[in-house]
Every structure is written in structure tokens, then in C-alpha cells.
Amino acid sequence: MVILPDTCIELNRLLINEISIIQDTPRVLYQVPFELSKTPNRAWKEALMENWSSISKLRFRTLKTIIWVYHNRVLINNVTIELFQEDLEKMLSSAIEKTNTQMSRKQKHAI
């Protein structure tokens, strides 16, 4: 078993059974949940939301997804089928990695 630093949180899995359709006209939009390896603290959650926003805007200027982090879950709202099929998990993994790096730096500076 690998012991992760306190700030290191990983993406465990897509919760496929909990995906729901939130809009069906004029486009189908989904709400897509993911499970994290553990429950992050507030600073980590806020950093992830900022990182998701910057990463999603870089990839898709018109993307209007909304991300929530609660307990050990991430919920992404307003996901198109194209985004879901192509990049969603990769984008979230990138945002999580960036967040872990930021939190690790902050923790090192605090010591």
C-alpha cells in the first residue's frame, strides 16, 4: 500500500451509475460524478475549482461546465457528450495534479 502525502489526492474512478441527464434540449447535458482517493480540505477544493476553470477555458473557450467538490466526490455539471467521450477525465486528472502540486508547495513553505 502506498501512503500518499496529506495533500496528494488522486482520482479513483468515474461513478458511471450516477451519471444523470440534466438537460435534453436543445443539447443533451450530463452531470458526471467522480470519486477521489480521500476527502480534501477546503483550500484544496478551492484550488481544484480554480484549476478546473483555467484548464477548461484553455481547451474549450465556450465550455460552461460547473464543478463541485464535496466529501470525496467531484461533480461536473453541464457536460456535453463530446467532452465526456474525449477529454473530461484527462482534464480533471490534470486539474487534480496541478492542485496537488500547488498544495505541496504551500505546505513546504509553511514548514
Foldseek 3Di string as FASTA:
>chain_A
DDDDPLLQKAWDFKPVVPKDFDDPPPATWIKTKTFMPFFHDPLLQVQLQVLLVVLCCVVPVPDDWHWGGDTRMIIITRHHPVCVVPPDVVSSRVSSVVSSVVVVVVVVVVD
